[in-house]
N, C-alpha and C. Protein backbone atom coordinates (compact mmCIF):
# COMPACT_ATOMS: atom_id res chain seq x y z
N MET A 1 84.12 -46.51 -240.37
CA MET A 1 83.80 -47.50 -239.91
C MET A 1 84.25 -48.36 -238.64
N ASN A 2 85.44 -48.08 -239.23
CA ASN A 2 85.93 -48.57 -237.71
C ASN A 2 86.33 -47.81 -236.72
N GLN A 3 86.78 -46.65 -237.18
CA GLN A 3 86.23 -45.10 -236.76
C GLN A 3 85.17 -45.06 -235.62
N ALA A 4 83.87 -45.30 -236.36
CA ALA A 4 82.63 -45.60 -235.65
C ALA A 4 82.79 -46.39 -234.31
N LEU A 5 83.39 -47.23 -234.57
CA LEU A 5 83.41 -48.89 -233.41
C LEU A 5 84.40 -48.41 -232.32
N LYS A 6 85.56 -47.88 -233.16
CA LYS A 6 86.02 -47.55 -231.71
C LYS A 6 85.59 -46.43 -231.23
N LYS A 7 84.79 -45.08 -231.38
CA LYS A 7 84.11 -44.61 -230.72
C LYS A 7 83.30 -44.94 -229.71
N LEU A 8 82.22 -45.74 -230.39
CA LEU A 8 81.22 -46.70 -229.84
C LEU A 8 82.16 -47.61 -228.60
N GLY A 9 82.87 -47.81 -228.85
CA GLY A 9 83.63 -48.88 -227.72
C GLY A 9 83.92 -47.92 -226.58
N PHE A 10 84.73 -46.73 -226.71
CA PHE A 10 85.09 -45.83 -226.04
C PHE A 10 83.81 -45.73 -224.78
N PHE A 11 82.99 -45.18 -225.63
CA PHE A 11 81.70 -44.49 -225.36
C PHE A 11 80.98 -45.61 -223.98
N LEU A 12 80.72 -47.11 -224.57
CA LEU A 12 80.20 -47.74 -224.13
C LEU A 12 80.84 -48.19 -222.13
N LEU A 13 82.08 -48.21 -222.56
CA LEU A 13 83.28 -48.31 -221.46
C LEU A 13 83.06 -47.68 -220.86
N PHE A 14 83.44 -46.31 -221.10
CA PHE A 14 83.02 -45.05 -219.68
C PHE A 14 82.08 -45.12 -219.17
N SER A 15 80.94 -45.10 -219.87
CA SER A 15 79.48 -44.96 -219.26
C SER A 15 79.39 -46.08 -218.06
N THR A 16 79.68 -47.31 -218.53
CA THR A 16 79.64 -48.62 -217.44
C THR A 16 80.57 -48.12 -216.40
N THR A 17 82.02 -47.76 -216.61
CA THR A 17 82.50 -47.16 -215.47
C THR A 17 81.50 -46.52 -214.48
N THR A 18 81.26 -45.44 -215.35
CA THR A 18 80.50 -44.47 -214.70
C THR A 18 79.88 -44.71 -213.65
N VAL A 19 78.82 -45.65 -214.55
CA VAL A 19 77.56 -46.60 -213.49
C VAL A 19 77.96 -47.38 -212.35
N VAL A 20 79.05 -47.92 -212.84
CA VAL A 20 79.71 -48.45 -211.19
C VAL A 20 80.09 -47.83 -209.95
N ALA A 21 80.67 -47.18 -210.87
CA ALA A 21 81.23 -45.93 -209.63
C ALA A 21 79.93 -45.42 -208.58
N GLN A 22 78.95 -44.76 -209.81
CA GLN A 22 78.03 -44.60 -208.88
C GLN A 22 77.44 -45.26 -208.15
N VAL A 23 77.05 -46.57 -208.55
CA VAL A 23 76.69 -47.94 -207.53
C VAL A 23 77.18 -47.70 -206.41
N GLN A 24 78.73 -48.22 -206.71
CA GLN A 24 79.41 -48.12 -205.13
C GLN A 24 79.35 -47.14 -204.02
N THR A 25 79.34 -45.90 -204.92
CA THR A 25 79.18 -44.62 -203.91
C THR A 25 78.05 -44.66 -203.00
N ALA A 26 76.76 -44.94 -203.75
CA ALA A 26 75.29 -44.97 -202.97
C ALA A 26 75.61 -46.13 -201.88
N ALA A 27 76.30 -47.50 -201.96
CA ALA A 27 75.80 -48.58 -200.99
C ALA A 27 77.40 -48.25 -200.05
N GLU A 28 78.30 -47.30 -200.52
CA GLU A 28 79.33 -46.62 -199.07
C GLU A 28 78.27 -46.15 -198.21
N LYS A 29 77.64 -45.17 -198.82
CA LYS A 29 76.87 -44.02 -198.37
C LYS A 29 75.78 -44.55 -196.86
N LYS A 30 75.56 -45.80 -197.89
CA LYS A 30 74.34 -46.82 -196.83
C LYS A 30 74.93 -47.24 -196.12
N LEU A 31 75.95 -48.22 -196.28
CA LEU A 31 76.49 -48.81 -195.06
C LEU A 31 77.13 -47.77 -194.11
N ILE A 32 77.57 -46.60 -193.96
CA ILE A 32 78.49 -45.74 -193.58
C ILE A 32 77.68 -44.41 -193.44
N PRO A 33 77.04 -43.82 -192.33
CA PRO A 33 76.95 -42.75 -192.56
C PRO A 33 77.50 -41.24 -192.46
N ASN A 34 77.25 -40.45 -192.78
CA ASN A 34 78.03 -38.79 -192.82
C ASN A 34 78.25 -38.20 -191.91
N ASN A 35 77.03 -38.67 -190.67
CA ASN A 35 76.85 -38.11 -189.44
C ASN A 35 77.65 -38.61 -188.46
N PHE A 36 78.28 -37.60 -187.96
CA PHE A 36 79.11 -38.71 -186.85
C PHE A 36 78.40 -38.73 -185.74
N LYS A 37 77.59 -38.60 -185.03
CA LYS A 37 76.35 -39.30 -183.83
C LYS A 37 75.97 -40.39 -184.68
N ASP A 38 76.02 -40.99 -185.68
CA ASP A 38 75.28 -42.16 -186.34
C ASP A 38 76.23 -42.95 -186.37
N HIS A 39 77.89 -43.19 -186.73
CA HIS A 39 78.30 -44.03 -186.60
C HIS A 39 78.84 -44.20 -184.68
N LEU A 40 78.29 -43.56 -183.67
CA LEU A 40 78.65 -44.34 -182.62
C LEU A 40 77.65 -44.84 -181.67
N VAL A 41 78.35 -46.17 -181.17
CA VAL A 41 77.52 -47.03 -180.73
C VAL A 41 77.85 -46.85 -179.01
N TYR A 42 76.75 -47.94 -178.30
CA TYR A 42 76.72 -47.82 -176.39
C TYR A 42 76.47 -48.97 -176.41
N GLY A 43 77.02 -49.16 -174.84
CA GLY A 43 76.82 -50.76 -174.27
C GLY A 43 77.44 -51.01 -173.04
N GLY A 44 77.60 -52.04 -172.95
CA GLY A 44 78.09 -52.33 -171.34
C GLY A 44 77.78 -53.49 -170.61
N ASN A 45 77.82 -53.51 -169.56
CA ASN A 45 77.48 -55.01 -169.02
C ASN A 45 77.76 -54.34 -167.67
N MET A 46 76.59 -54.75 -166.52
CA MET A 46 76.71 -55.18 -164.97
C MET A 46 76.89 -56.49 -164.45
N GLY A 47 77.68 -56.56 -163.14
CA GLY A 47 77.28 -57.86 -162.88
C GLY A 47 76.82 -57.68 -161.21
N LEU A 48 76.67 -58.61 -160.88
CA LEU A 48 75.96 -58.46 -159.15
C LEU A 48 75.99 -60.19 -158.68
N SER A 49 76.29 -60.17 -157.78
CA SER A 49 77.39 -61.53 -156.85
C SER A 49 76.78 -60.87 -155.44
N PHE A 50 76.55 -62.15 -154.73
CA PHE A 50 76.22 -62.07 -153.27
C PHE A 50 76.45 -63.56 -152.79
N GLY A 51 77.39 -63.30 -151.26
CA GLY A 51 77.25 -64.20 -151.02
C GLY A 51 78.90 -63.78 -149.85
N ASN A 52 79.75 -64.48 -149.41
CA ASN A 52 81.21 -63.96 -148.64
C ASN A 52 81.71 -62.91 -149.14
N VAL A 53 81.59 -63.03 -150.72
CA VAL A 53 81.95 -61.65 -151.27
C VAL A 53 80.70 -60.94 -152.15
N THR A 54 80.35 -59.35 -151.83
CA THR A 54 79.46 -59.20 -152.24
C THR A 54 79.93 -58.18 -153.47
N SER A 55 79.93 -58.04 -154.60
CA SER A 55 80.10 -57.52 -156.16
C SER A 55 79.31 -56.63 -156.59
N ILE A 56 79.26 -55.46 -156.87
CA ILE A 56 77.82 -54.95 -157.90
C ILE A 56 78.69 -53.90 -158.81
N GLY A 57 78.69 -53.87 -159.88
CA GLY A 57 79.65 -53.28 -160.71
C GLY A 57 78.88 -53.14 -162.28
N ILE A 58 79.36 -51.64 -162.69
CA ILE A 58 78.65 -51.65 -163.70
C ILE A 58 79.64 -50.98 -164.73
N SER A 59 79.96 -51.40 -166.24
CA SER A 59 80.90 -50.79 -167.00
C SER A 59 80.45 -50.68 -168.26
N PRO A 60 80.13 -49.44 -168.52
CA PRO A 60 79.68 -48.52 -169.72
C PRO A 60 81.05 -48.57 -171.08
N ILE A 61 80.20 -48.54 -172.28
CA ILE A 61 81.30 -48.68 -172.95
C ILE A 61 80.64 -47.46 -174.09
N VAL A 62 81.64 -46.81 -175.04
CA VAL A 62 81.23 -46.22 -176.36
C VAL A 62 82.19 -45.83 -177.29
N GLY A 63 81.71 -46.82 -178.66
CA GLY A 63 82.99 -46.75 -179.55
C GLY A 63 82.27 -46.28 -180.94
N TYR A 64 82.97 -46.41 -181.82
CA TYR A 64 82.77 -45.22 -183.08
C TYR A 64 83.27 -46.22 -184.33
N LYS A 65 81.85 -46.36 -184.62
CA LYS A 65 81.90 -47.37 -185.95
C LYS A 65 82.90 -46.64 -186.91
N VAL A 66 84.14 -47.51 -187.52
CA VAL A 66 85.03 -46.93 -188.73
C VAL A 66 84.45 -47.35 -189.98
N THR A 67 84.19 -49.04 -189.70
CA THR A 67 83.34 -49.05 -190.98
C THR A 67 82.33 -50.05 -190.44
N PRO A 68 81.80 -50.73 -191.21
CA PRO A 68 80.42 -52.26 -190.53
C PRO A 68 81.66 -52.88 -189.87
N LYS A 69 82.40 -53.19 -189.95
CA LYS A 69 83.41 -53.73 -189.24
C LYS A 69 84.17 -54.18 -188.23
N PHE A 70 84.63 -52.81 -188.02
CA PHE A 70 85.62 -52.39 -187.13
C PHE A 70 85.45 -51.24 -186.16
N ILE A 71 85.45 -51.51 -185.04
CA ILE A 71 84.99 -50.91 -183.70
C ILE A 71 85.83 -50.12 -183.02
N PRO A 72 86.50 -49.41 -182.69
CA PRO A 72 87.48 -49.25 -181.30
C PRO A 72 86.72 -48.10 -180.46
N GLY A 73 87.09 -48.28 -179.00
CA GLY A 73 86.00 -47.18 -178.41
C GLY A 73 86.98 -47.62 -177.21
N ILE A 74 86.01 -46.74 -175.93
CA ILE A 74 86.62 -46.93 -174.53
C ILE A 74 85.75 -47.13 -173.49
N GLY A 75 85.96 -47.82 -172.56
CA GLY A 75 85.14 -47.84 -171.54
C GLY A 75 85.63 -47.56 -170.18
N ALA A 76 84.35 -47.46 -169.02
CA ALA A 76 84.71 -47.04 -167.61
C ALA A 76 84.43 -47.91 -166.38
N SER A 77 84.47 -48.30 -165.99
CA SER A 77 84.07 -49.66 -164.55
C SER A 77 84.33 -48.64 -163.25
N TYR A 78 83.09 -49.35 -162.57
CA TYR A 78 82.98 -49.21 -161.33
C TYR A 78 82.55 -50.32 -160.56
N ASN A 79 83.07 -50.39 -159.42
CA ASN A 79 83.04 -52.40 -159.04
C ASN A 79 82.87 -51.65 -157.29
N TYR A 80 81.62 -52.14 -156.96
CA TYR A 80 81.71 -51.97 -155.12
C TYR A 80 81.83 -53.56 -154.96
N ILE A 81 83.04 -53.85 -153.60
CA ILE A 81 83.26 -55.27 -153.01
C ILE A 81 82.73 -54.97 -151.62
N LYS A 82 82.54 -55.87 -151.17
CA LYS A 82 82.39 -56.64 -150.00
C LYS A 82 82.74 -57.63 -149.77
N PHE A 83 83.55 -57.63 -148.53
CA PHE A 83 84.24 -58.86 -148.13
C PHE A 83 83.32 -59.31 -146.57
N ASN A 84 82.61 -60.41 -146.81
CA ASN A 84 82.13 -60.91 -145.00
C ASN A 84 82.04 -61.83 -144.96
N TYR A 85 83.81 -62.31 -144.26
CA TYR A 85 84.37 -64.00 -144.07
C TYR A 85 84.49 -64.12 -142.49
N VAL A 86 84.18 -64.97 -142.11
CA VAL A 86 83.21 -65.24 -141.21
C VAL A 86 84.97 -65.45 -139.83
N ASN A 87 84.91 -64.69 -138.84
CA ASN A 87 86.11 -64.56 -137.95
C ASN A 87 87.25 -63.38 -138.62
N TYR A 88 86.59 -62.92 -139.58
CA TYR A 88 87.21 -61.85 -140.17
C TYR A 88 85.59 -59.85 -140.08
N PRO A 89 87.02 -59.14 -139.87
CA PRO A 89 85.70 -57.53 -139.62
C PRO A 89 85.40 -57.76 -141.51
N SER A 90 84.20 -56.95 -141.49
CA SER A 90 83.64 -57.08 -143.17
C SER A 90 84.69 -55.71 -143.25
N GLU A 91 84.89 -55.73 -144.58
CA GLU A 91 85.68 -54.79 -145.43
C GLU A 91 84.72 -54.37 -146.58
N SER A 92 84.82 -53.35 -147.17
CA SER A 92 84.14 -53.06 -148.39
C SER A 92 85.63 -52.27 -149.54
N THR A 93 85.66 -51.91 -150.67
CA THR A 93 85.87 -51.26 -151.34
C THR A 93 85.69 -50.95 -152.52
N HIS A 94 85.90 -49.82 -153.02
CA HIS A 94 85.74 -49.04 -154.30
C HIS A 94 86.31 -49.63 -155.72
N ILE A 95 86.36 -49.89 -156.46
CA ILE A 95 87.25 -49.93 -157.66
C ILE A 95 86.89 -48.91 -159.08
N LEU A 96 88.20 -48.33 -159.49
CA LEU A 96 87.28 -47.54 -160.31
C LEU A 96 88.52 -47.91 -161.33
N GLY A 97 87.41 -47.88 -162.43
CA GLY A 97 88.38 -48.22 -164.07
C GLY A 97 88.30 -47.99 -165.65
N GLY A 98 89.33 -47.76 -165.99
CA GLY A 98 88.92 -47.15 -167.69
C GLY A 98 89.63 -48.43 -168.52
N SER A 99 89.03 -48.20 -169.92
CA SER A 99 89.86 -49.33 -170.92
C SER A 99 89.79 -48.68 -172.27
N ILE A 100 90.24 -48.96 -173.00
CA ILE A 100 90.50 -48.77 -174.77
C ILE A 100 90.62 -50.17 -175.24
N TRP A 101 89.39 -50.33 -175.99
CA TRP A 101 88.95 -51.87 -177.13
C TRP A 101 88.84 -51.52 -178.46
N ALA A 102 89.04 -52.97 -178.72
CA ALA A 102 88.40 -52.40 -180.56
C ALA A 102 87.94 -54.19 -180.58
N ARG A 103 86.80 -53.69 -181.77
CA ARG A 103 86.26 -55.06 -182.01
C ARG A 103 86.45 -54.98 -183.42
N TYR A 104 86.70 -56.36 -183.88
CA TYR A 104 86.34 -56.68 -185.62
C TYR A 104 85.10 -57.61 -185.72
N TYR A 105 84.37 -57.55 -186.66
CA TYR A 105 83.77 -58.47 -186.88
C TYR A 105 83.83 -59.57 -187.81
N VAL A 106 84.14 -60.77 -187.93
CA VAL A 106 84.60 -61.79 -188.58
C VAL A 106 83.31 -62.19 -189.56
N PHE A 107 82.86 -62.45 -188.54
CA PHE A 107 81.20 -62.69 -189.48
C PHE A 107 80.20 -62.10 -189.25
N GLU A 108 78.89 -61.75 -189.15
CA GLU A 108 77.79 -60.66 -188.77
C GLU A 108 77.47 -60.55 -187.34
N ASN A 109 77.48 -62.12 -186.77
CA ASN A 109 77.38 -61.68 -185.22
C ASN A 109 78.56 -62.24 -184.88
N VAL A 110 79.57 -62.67 -184.94
CA VAL A 110 80.64 -63.05 -184.60
C VAL A 110 82.41 -61.93 -184.99
N PHE A 111 82.93 -61.55 -183.76
CA PHE A 111 83.83 -60.88 -183.63
C PHE A 111 84.57 -60.70 -182.45
N ALA A 112 85.97 -60.69 -183.05
CA ALA A 112 87.19 -60.73 -182.28
C ALA A 112 87.15 -59.25 -181.28
N ASP A 113 87.89 -59.52 -180.31
CA ASP A 113 87.51 -58.40 -179.70
C ASP A 113 89.48 -58.10 -178.60
N ALA A 114 90.02 -56.97 -178.38
CA ALA A 114 91.00 -56.99 -178.07
C ALA A 114 90.76 -55.90 -176.70
N GLU A 115 91.34 -55.52 -176.09
CA GLU A 115 91.32 -54.69 -174.85
C GLU A 115 92.47 -54.17 -173.59
N TYR A 116 92.55 -53.44 -173.30
CA TYR A 116 93.90 -52.89 -172.49
C TYR A 116 92.73 -52.16 -171.18
N GLU A 117 93.05 -52.90 -170.08
CA GLU A 117 92.27 -51.78 -168.77
C GLU A 117 93.42 -51.45 -167.62
N VAL A 118 92.74 -50.57 -166.98
CA VAL A 118 93.98 -50.38 -166.15
C VAL A 118 92.45 -50.19 -164.70
N LEU A 119 92.86 -51.02 -163.45
CA LEU A 119 91.70 -50.57 -162.88
C LEU A 119 92.61 -50.31 -161.56
N ASN A 120 92.20 -49.09 -160.68
CA ASN A 120 92.44 -48.77 -159.61
C ASN A 120 91.96 -49.40 -158.05
N GLY A 121 92.09 -49.92 -157.32
CA GLY A 121 91.74 -49.95 -156.09
C GLY A 121 92.40 -50.53 -154.94
N GLU A 122 91.86 -50.75 -153.82
CA GLU A 122 92.62 -51.20 -152.73
C GLU A 122 91.97 -52.84 -152.74
N TRP A 123 93.10 -53.01 -153.09
CA TRP A 123 93.26 -54.50 -153.50
C TRP A 123 93.75 -55.58 -152.25
N ASP A 124 94.06 -55.14 -151.32
CA ASP A 124 94.14 -56.18 -149.61
C ASP A 124 94.07 -54.95 -149.03
N PRO A 125 92.64 -55.36 -148.84
CA PRO A 125 92.20 -54.41 -147.67
C PRO A 125 92.15 -54.83 -146.05
N TYR A 126 92.40 -55.84 -145.97
CA TYR A 126 92.66 -56.55 -144.71
C TYR A 126 94.09 -56.52 -144.53
N TYR A 127 95.40 -56.59 -145.16
CA TYR A 127 96.45 -56.66 -145.29
C TYR A 127 97.46 -55.13 -145.25
N ARG A 128 96.85 -54.62 -146.28
CA ARG A 128 97.20 -53.16 -146.73
C ARG A 128 96.16 -51.98 -146.72
N PRO A 129 95.42 -51.60 -145.85
CA PRO A 129 93.78 -50.76 -146.04
C PRO A 129 94.28 -49.34 -145.93
N GLY A 130 93.75 -49.26 -146.75
CA GLY A 130 94.01 -47.19 -147.45
C GLY A 130 94.72 -47.47 -148.50
N VAL A 131 95.80 -48.33 -149.35
CA VAL A 131 96.68 -48.88 -150.22
C VAL A 131 95.66 -48.84 -151.44
N ARG A 132 95.90 -48.12 -152.50
CA ARG A 132 94.96 -47.92 -153.45
C ARG A 132 96.22 -48.28 -154.52
N TYR A 133 96.42 -48.44 -156.04
CA TYR A 133 97.01 -48.78 -156.79
C TYR A 133 96.78 -49.25 -158.05
N ASN A 134 97.25 -49.08 -159.15
CA ASN A 134 96.71 -49.74 -160.41
C ASN A 134 97.24 -51.05 -160.64
N LEU A 135 96.00 -52.34 -161.58
CA LEU A 135 96.16 -53.36 -162.18
C LEU A 135 95.87 -53.36 -163.59
N ASN A 136 96.85 -53.43 -164.42
CA ASN A 136 97.16 -53.39 -165.79
C ASN A 136 96.29 -54.88 -166.39
N SER A 137 95.85 -55.15 -167.26
CA SER A 137 95.37 -56.18 -167.70
C SER A 137 95.35 -56.05 -169.34
N GLY A 138 95.42 -57.12 -170.07
CA GLY A 138 96.02 -56.82 -171.62
C GLY A 138 94.58 -58.36 -171.44
N LEU A 139 93.95 -57.98 -172.40
CA LEU A 139 92.82 -59.39 -172.78
C LEU A 139 92.02 -58.90 -174.22
N VAL A 140 92.11 -60.29 -174.42
CA VAL A 140 91.86 -60.54 -175.45
C VAL A 140 91.07 -62.11 -175.90
N GLY A 141 90.26 -61.64 -177.07
CA GLY A 141 89.07 -62.74 -177.09
C GLY A 141 88.20 -62.71 -178.46
N GLY A 142 86.93 -63.30 -177.76
CA GLY A 142 85.66 -62.74 -178.89
C GLY A 142 84.83 -63.09 -178.70
N GLY A 143 83.35 -63.10 -179.10
CA GLY A 143 81.85 -62.71 -178.79
C GLY A 143 81.06 -63.32 -179.82
N TYR A 144 79.97 -63.26 -179.27
CA TYR A 144 78.99 -63.15 -180.23
C TYR A 144 77.74 -62.25 -179.80
N GLN A 145 77.58 -61.77 -181.08
CA GLN A 145 76.17 -61.06 -181.01
C GLN A 145 74.66 -61.25 -181.47
N GLN A 146 73.60 -60.94 -180.84
CA GLN A 146 72.83 -60.87 -181.31
C GLN A 146 71.82 -60.11 -181.64
N GLY A 147 71.35 -59.56 -182.38
CA GLY A 147 70.55 -58.56 -182.65
C GLY A 147 68.90 -58.42 -182.60
N PHE A 148 68.19 -57.16 -182.53
CA PHE A 148 66.87 -57.16 -182.45
C PHE A 148 66.41 -55.91 -182.49
N GLY A 149 66.42 -55.52 -183.53
CA GLY A 149 65.80 -53.93 -183.55
C GLY A 149 67.03 -53.28 -183.48
N GLY A 150 67.24 -51.58 -182.65
CA GLY A 150 68.24 -51.13 -182.59
C GLY A 150 69.60 -52.15 -181.20
N LEU A 151 68.93 -52.77 -181.13
CA LEU A 151 69.46 -53.28 -179.15
C LEU A 151 70.15 -54.54 -179.77
N SER A 152 71.24 -54.84 -179.32
CA SER A 152 71.54 -56.37 -179.26
C SER A 152 72.28 -56.82 -177.46
N SER A 153 72.63 -58.04 -177.82
CA SER A 153 72.91 -58.73 -176.57
C SER A 153 74.24 -59.50 -177.32
N TYR A 154 74.92 -59.63 -176.57
CA TYR A 154 76.34 -60.35 -176.53
C TYR A 154 76.71 -61.30 -175.77
N VAL A 155 77.73 -62.20 -175.74
CA VAL A 155 78.87 -63.49 -175.19
C VAL A 155 79.67 -62.19 -175.33
N LEU A 156 80.93 -62.31 -174.36
CA LEU A 156 82.28 -62.02 -174.93
C LEU A 156 83.08 -62.79 -173.99
N VAL A 157 84.36 -64.07 -174.66
CA VAL A 157 85.18 -64.55 -173.98
C VAL A 157 86.30 -63.64 -173.76
N LEU A 158 86.86 -63.86 -172.89
CA LEU A 158 88.46 -63.15 -172.91
C LEU A 158 89.17 -63.58 -172.33
N TYR A 159 90.88 -63.73 -172.66
CA TYR A 159 91.86 -64.49 -171.66
C TYR A 159 92.62 -62.91 -172.00
N ASN A 160 93.53 -63.15 -170.38
CA ASN A 160 93.74 -62.09 -169.47
C ASN A 160 95.40 -62.36 -169.64
N VAL A 161 96.05 -61.86 -171.31
CA VAL A 161 97.21 -62.08 -171.65
C VAL A 161 98.12 -62.19 -169.97
N THR A 162 97.87 -61.08 -169.57
CA THR A 162 98.93 -60.17 -168.24
C THR A 162 98.60 -61.10 -166.91
N GLN A 163 98.25 -62.12 -167.11
CA GLN A 163 97.92 -62.24 -165.81
C GLN A 163 98.61 -62.84 -164.97
N GLY A 164 98.83 -62.76 -163.45
CA GLY A 164 100.23 -62.67 -162.57
C GLY A 164 99.34 -62.77 -161.30
N PRO A 165 100.31 -63.07 -160.62
CA PRO A 165 99.71 -62.81 -158.99
C PRO A 165 99.07 -61.55 -158.36
N ASP A 166 99.28 -60.38 -159.35
CA ASP A 166 98.16 -59.31 -158.82
C ASP A 166 97.53 -59.01 -159.80
N SER A 167 97.03 -60.36 -160.78
CA SER A 167 95.69 -59.47 -161.80
C SER A 167 94.66 -59.71 -160.46
N PRO A 168 93.68 -58.58 -161.35
CA PRO A 168 92.13 -58.39 -160.69
C PRO A 168 91.80 -59.43 -160.62
N TYR A 169 91.56 -60.46 -161.74
CA TYR A 169 90.97 -61.46 -162.16
C TYR A 169 91.39 -63.09 -161.23
N ALA A 170 90.40 -63.24 -161.03
CA ALA A 170 90.78 -64.93 -159.67
C ALA A 170 91.44 -66.02 -161.61
N SER A 171 90.62 -65.65 -162.54
CA SER A 171 90.96 -66.58 -163.65
C SER A 171 91.38 -65.80 -164.54
N PRO A 172 92.43 -66.50 -165.39
CA PRO A 172 92.89 -65.60 -166.74
C PRO A 172 91.75 -65.62 -167.55
N LEU A 173 89.93 -66.42 -167.63
CA LEU A 173 89.53 -66.43 -168.67
C LEU A 173 88.28 -65.78 -167.68
N ILE A 174 88.01 -64.55 -168.52
CA ILE A 174 86.76 -63.47 -168.47
C ILE A 174 85.48 -63.89 -169.59
N ILE A 175 84.50 -63.79 -168.48
CA ILE A 175 83.32 -63.94 -169.47
C ILE A 175 82.63 -62.93 -169.38
N ARG A 176 81.41 -61.84 -170.51
CA ARG A 176 81.14 -61.12 -169.98
C ARG A 176 79.96 -61.28 -170.98
N VAL A 177 78.59 -61.05 -169.97
CA VAL A 177 77.68 -60.51 -170.89
C VAL A 177 76.80 -58.90 -171.08
N GLY A 178 76.59 -58.40 -172.01
CA GLY A 178 76.08 -57.24 -172.09
C GLY A 178 75.23 -56.85 -172.93
N ILE A 179 74.74 -55.46 -173.55
CA ILE A 179 73.84 -55.34 -174.03
C ILE A 179 74.71 -53.93 -175.31
N GLY A 180 74.46 -54.16 -176.37
CA GLY A 180 74.92 -53.07 -177.27
C GLY A 180 73.56 -52.36 -177.62
N ILE A 181 73.80 -50.73 -178.18
CA ILE A 181 72.65 -50.11 -178.88
C ILE A 181 73.84 -49.49 -180.21
N GLY A 182 73.34 -50.34 -181.48
CA GLY A 182 73.83 -49.84 -182.52
C GLY A 182 75.07 -50.48 -183.15
N PHE A 183 75.35 -51.29 -182.43
CA PHE A 183 76.17 -52.45 -182.86
C PHE A 183 75.88 -52.99 -184.22
């Protein structure tokens, strides 16, 4: 009798463990697809500004969903800027750039964000015309995302930790509004 109880207890323990393992595997497969393409997310932002300084920019991004909460990625950016100051001739420049970034979702719609960005441009067309050089920025912050269907929109607030006299941003605080697919 004692031997039979031991065998029954061992059998129940083993069968329970097997069922739990099967349930976890099914849940993991549902959260993270096996197909590489299913892990990719897309998005970015656009900017328009008109006045003494006209600025038109586009910044697409693509990321890879490593886990449901962690998404690293890369981005590109293009900006056209035209200066129209009184008593100065009009000048324009094209700024090209790239970035690497990562997002970690702290809550379902709230995420932390870090980015390293390099922008190449003619930063002072009045005093150094034709001289292009790189400016680097380290950005950290967070955002809020709201999804609907396969699309989402987000507001991202970043702080430029490398803000200096040659920074491409007038303020160390940067606010971006964008869209995402698959986030």
